[in-house]
């Protein structure tokens, strides 16, 4: 299980493009393809937890969009 602040390091370890925590949060809130709805992600204190085994394929298959 990972939290938003841990995801950038996990992306780098998986040899994927590193994203900022802010961008990852934005994707979680706005991308309909985000695999775990925020209201279904378990919370520990103020931190939401996500299963990296579910998130990694999302980031691997995601098409980057230029803003």
N, C-alpha and C. Protein backbone atom coordinates (compact mmCIF):
# COMPACT_ATOMS: atom_id res chain seq x y z
N UNK A 1 0.84 -1.17 0.00
CA UNK A 1 0.00 0.00 0.00
C UNK A 1 0.89 1.24 0.00
N UNK A 2 0.47 2.24 -0.76
CA UNK A 2 1.24 3.47 -0.86
C UNK A 2 0.32 4.66 -0.61
N UNK A 3 0.94 5.78 -0.22
CA UNK A 3 0.24 7.04 -0.06
C UNK A 3 0.63 7.96 -1.21
N UNK A 4 -0.11 9.04 -1.40
CA UNK A 4 0.23 9.97 -2.48
C UNK A 4 1.71 10.38 -2.46
N UNK A 5 2.27 10.78 -1.30
CA UNK A 5 3.68 11.19 -1.30
C UNK A 5 4.67 10.10 -1.70
N UNK A 6 4.29 8.84 -1.57
CA UNK A 6 5.20 7.74 -1.92
C UNK A 6 5.15 7.37 -3.40
N UNK A 7 4.10 7.77 -4.09
CA UNK A 7 3.92 7.34 -5.48
C UNK A 7 5.01 7.85 -6.42
N UNK A 8 5.48 9.11 -6.32
CA UNK A 8 6.55 9.53 -7.24
C UNK A 8 7.78 8.64 -7.20
N UNK A 9 8.19 8.23 -6.00
CA UNK A 9 9.36 7.33 -5.89
C UNK A 9 9.07 5.97 -6.50
N UNK A 10 7.86 5.47 -6.29
CA UNK A 10 7.48 4.18 -6.88
C UNK A 10 7.50 4.26 -8.41
N UNK A 11 7.04 5.37 -8.95
CA UNK A 11 7.06 5.54 -10.40
C UNK A 11 8.48 5.47 -10.92
N UNK A 12 9.37 6.16 -10.25
CA UNK A 12 10.77 6.17 -10.66
C UNK A 12 11.38 4.77 -10.56
N UNK A 13 11.09 4.06 -9.49
CA UNK A 13 11.61 2.69 -9.31
C UNK A 13 11.11 1.77 -10.42
N UNK A 14 9.89 2.03 -10.91
CA UNK A 14 9.31 1.21 -11.99
C UNK A 14 9.75 1.70 -13.37
N UNK A 15 10.67 2.68 -13.39
CA UNK A 15 11.19 3.24 -14.64
C UNK A 15 10.09 3.91 -15.45
N UNK A 16 9.16 4.56 -14.72
CA UNK A 16 8.10 5.33 -15.34
C UNK A 16 8.36 6.80 -15.07
N UNK A 17 7.69 7.65 -15.83
CA UNK A 17 7.89 9.09 -15.66
C UNK A 17 7.45 9.52 -14.27
N UNK A 18 8.34 10.24 -13.60
CA UNK A 18 8.03 10.74 -12.25
C UNK A 18 7.05 11.91 -12.37
N UNK A 19 6.00 11.86 -11.59
CA UNK A 19 5.02 12.93 -11.53
C UNK A 19 5.07 13.56 -10.15
N UNK A 20 4.63 14.81 -10.05
CA UNK A 20 4.56 15.45 -8.75
C UNK A 20 3.37 14.90 -7.97
N UNK A 21 3.43 15.04 -6.67
CA UNK A 21 2.31 14.61 -5.83
C UNK A 21 1.05 15.39 -6.22
N UNK A 22 1.21 16.67 -6.53
CA UNK A 22 0.06 17.49 -6.92
C UNK A 22 -0.59 16.95 -8.18
N UNK A 23 0.22 16.55 -9.16
CA UNK A 23 -0.33 16.01 -10.41
C UNK A 23 -1.02 14.67 -10.17
N UNK A 24 -0.45 13.85 -9.31
CA UNK A 24 -1.06 12.55 -9.01
C UNK A 24 -2.42 12.77 -8.33
N UNK A 25 -2.48 13.71 -7.39
CA UNK A 25 -3.76 14.02 -6.74
C UNK A 25 -4.78 14.52 -7.77
N UNK A 26 -4.32 15.35 -8.69
CA UNK A 26 -5.21 15.87 -9.73
C UNK A 26 -5.76 14.72 -10.58
N UNK A 27 -4.92 13.80 -10.95
CA UNK A 27 -5.38 12.64 -11.72
C UNK A 27 -6.40 11.84 -10.93
N UNK A 28 -6.13 11.63 -9.64
CA UNK A 28 -7.04 10.85 -8.79
C UNK A 28 -8.41 11.52 -8.72
N UNK A 29 -8.42 12.84 -8.74
CA UNK A 29 -9.68 13.57 -8.61
C UNK A 29 -10.42 13.74 -9.93
N UNK A 30 -9.70 13.76 -11.04
CA UNK A 30 -10.34 14.15 -12.31
C UNK A 30 -10.32 13.09 -13.40
N UNK A 31 -9.41 12.14 -13.36
CA UNK A 31 -9.30 11.16 -14.44
C UNK A 31 -10.30 10.02 -14.21
N UNK A 32 -11.26 9.85 -15.12
CA UNK A 32 -12.23 8.78 -14.95
C UNK A 32 -11.60 7.38 -14.98
N UNK A 33 -10.39 7.26 -15.50
CA UNK A 33 -9.70 5.97 -15.55
C UNK A 33 -8.92 5.64 -14.28
N UNK A 34 -8.86 6.60 -13.33
CA UNK A 34 -8.14 6.34 -12.08
C UNK A 34 -8.75 5.09 -11.44
N UNK A 35 -7.93 4.10 -11.11
CA UNK A 35 -8.46 2.78 -10.74
C UNK A 35 -9.13 2.66 -9.36
N UNK A 36 -8.87 3.59 -8.46
CA UNK A 36 -9.43 3.48 -7.11
C UNK A 36 -10.14 4.78 -6.76
N UNK A 37 -11.48 4.78 -6.75
CA UNK A 37 -12.19 6.01 -6.38
C UNK A 37 -11.73 6.50 -5.00
N UNK A 38 -11.52 7.81 -4.88
CA UNK A 38 -10.99 8.36 -3.64
C UNK A 38 -11.86 8.01 -2.43
N UNK A 39 -13.17 7.97 -2.63
CA UNK A 39 -14.04 7.66 -1.49
C UNK A 39 -13.99 6.18 -1.09
N UNK A 40 -13.33 5.36 -1.91
CA UNK A 40 -13.19 3.94 -1.58
C UNK A 40 -11.78 3.58 -1.10
N UNK A 41 -10.85 4.53 -1.18
CA UNK A 41 -9.48 4.29 -0.72
C UNK A 41 -9.46 4.35 0.81
N UNK A 42 -8.89 3.34 1.46
CA UNK A 42 -8.84 3.37 2.92
C UNK A 42 -8.03 4.57 3.42
N UNK A 43 -8.42 5.08 4.57
CA UNK A 43 -7.71 6.20 5.18
C UNK A 43 -7.08 5.77 6.48
N UNK A 44 -5.86 6.25 6.70
CA UNK A 44 -5.18 6.09 7.97
C UNK A 44 -4.81 7.50 8.40
N UNK A 45 -5.49 7.99 9.41
CA UNK A 45 -5.31 9.39 9.78
C UNK A 45 -5.82 10.24 8.63
N UNK A 46 -4.97 11.11 8.12
CA UNK A 46 -5.34 11.95 6.99
C UNK A 46 -4.85 11.41 5.65
N UNK A 47 -4.17 10.28 5.68
CA UNK A 47 -3.56 9.72 4.47
C UNK A 47 -4.46 8.67 3.84
N UNK A 48 -4.58 8.73 2.52
CA UNK A 48 -5.30 7.69 1.78
C UNK A 48 -4.28 6.65 1.33
N UNK A 49 -4.70 5.39 1.35
CA UNK A 49 -3.82 4.29 0.95
C UNK A 49 -4.30 3.69 -0.36
N UNK A 50 -3.34 3.36 -1.22
CA UNK A 50 -3.64 2.76 -2.52
C UNK A 50 -2.77 1.53 -2.72
N UNK A 51 -3.34 0.53 -3.34
CA UNK A 51 -2.60 -0.68 -3.66
C UNK A 51 -1.74 -0.40 -4.89
N UNK A 52 -0.42 -0.45 -4.72
CA UNK A 52 0.48 -0.15 -5.83
C UNK A 52 0.27 -1.13 -6.98
N UNK A 53 -0.10 -2.38 -6.69
CA UNK A 53 -0.31 -3.37 -7.76
C UNK A 53 -1.47 -2.96 -8.67
N UNK A 54 -2.37 -2.13 -8.18
CA UNK A 54 -3.48 -1.62 -8.98
C UNK A 54 -3.07 -0.34 -9.70
N UNK A 55 -2.30 0.52 -9.02
CA UNK A 55 -1.91 1.81 -9.61
C UNK A 55 -0.85 1.67 -10.69
N UNK A 56 0.09 0.76 -10.49
CA UNK A 56 1.21 0.66 -11.44
C UNK A 56 0.74 0.43 -12.88
N UNK A 57 -0.18 -0.49 -13.14
CA UNK A 57 -0.64 -0.66 -14.52
C UNK A 57 -1.33 0.60 -15.07
N UNK A 58 -2.03 1.32 -14.19
CA UNK A 58 -2.67 2.57 -14.63
C UNK A 58 -1.61 3.54 -15.15
N UNK A 59 -0.53 3.73 -14.38
CA UNK A 59 0.52 4.67 -14.81
C UNK A 59 1.27 4.13 -16.02
N UNK A 60 1.48 2.83 -16.08
CA UNK A 60 2.21 2.24 -17.22
C UNK A 60 1.42 2.42 -18.52
N UNK A 61 0.11 2.27 -18.47
CA UNK A 61 -0.72 2.35 -19.68
C UNK A 61 -1.26 3.73 -19.98
N UNK A 62 -1.07 4.67 -19.07
CA UNK A 62 -1.64 6.01 -19.20
C UNK A 62 -0.96 6.77 -20.34
N UNK A 63 -1.77 7.44 -21.14
CA UNK A 63 -1.24 8.29 -22.20
C UNK A 63 -1.07 9.69 -21.64
N UNK A 64 0.14 10.22 -21.69
CA UNK A 64 0.42 11.55 -21.18
C UNK A 64 -0.26 12.58 -22.07
N UNK A 65 -0.86 13.58 -21.41
CA UNK A 65 -1.50 14.67 -22.16
C UNK A 65 -0.78 15.97 -21.85
N UNK A 66 -0.38 16.67 -22.89
CA UNK A 66 0.27 17.97 -22.69
C UNK A 66 -0.79 19.00 -22.39
N UNK A 67 -0.50 19.90 -21.44
CA UNK A 67 -1.46 20.91 -21.04
C UNK A 67 -1.45 22.11 -21.83
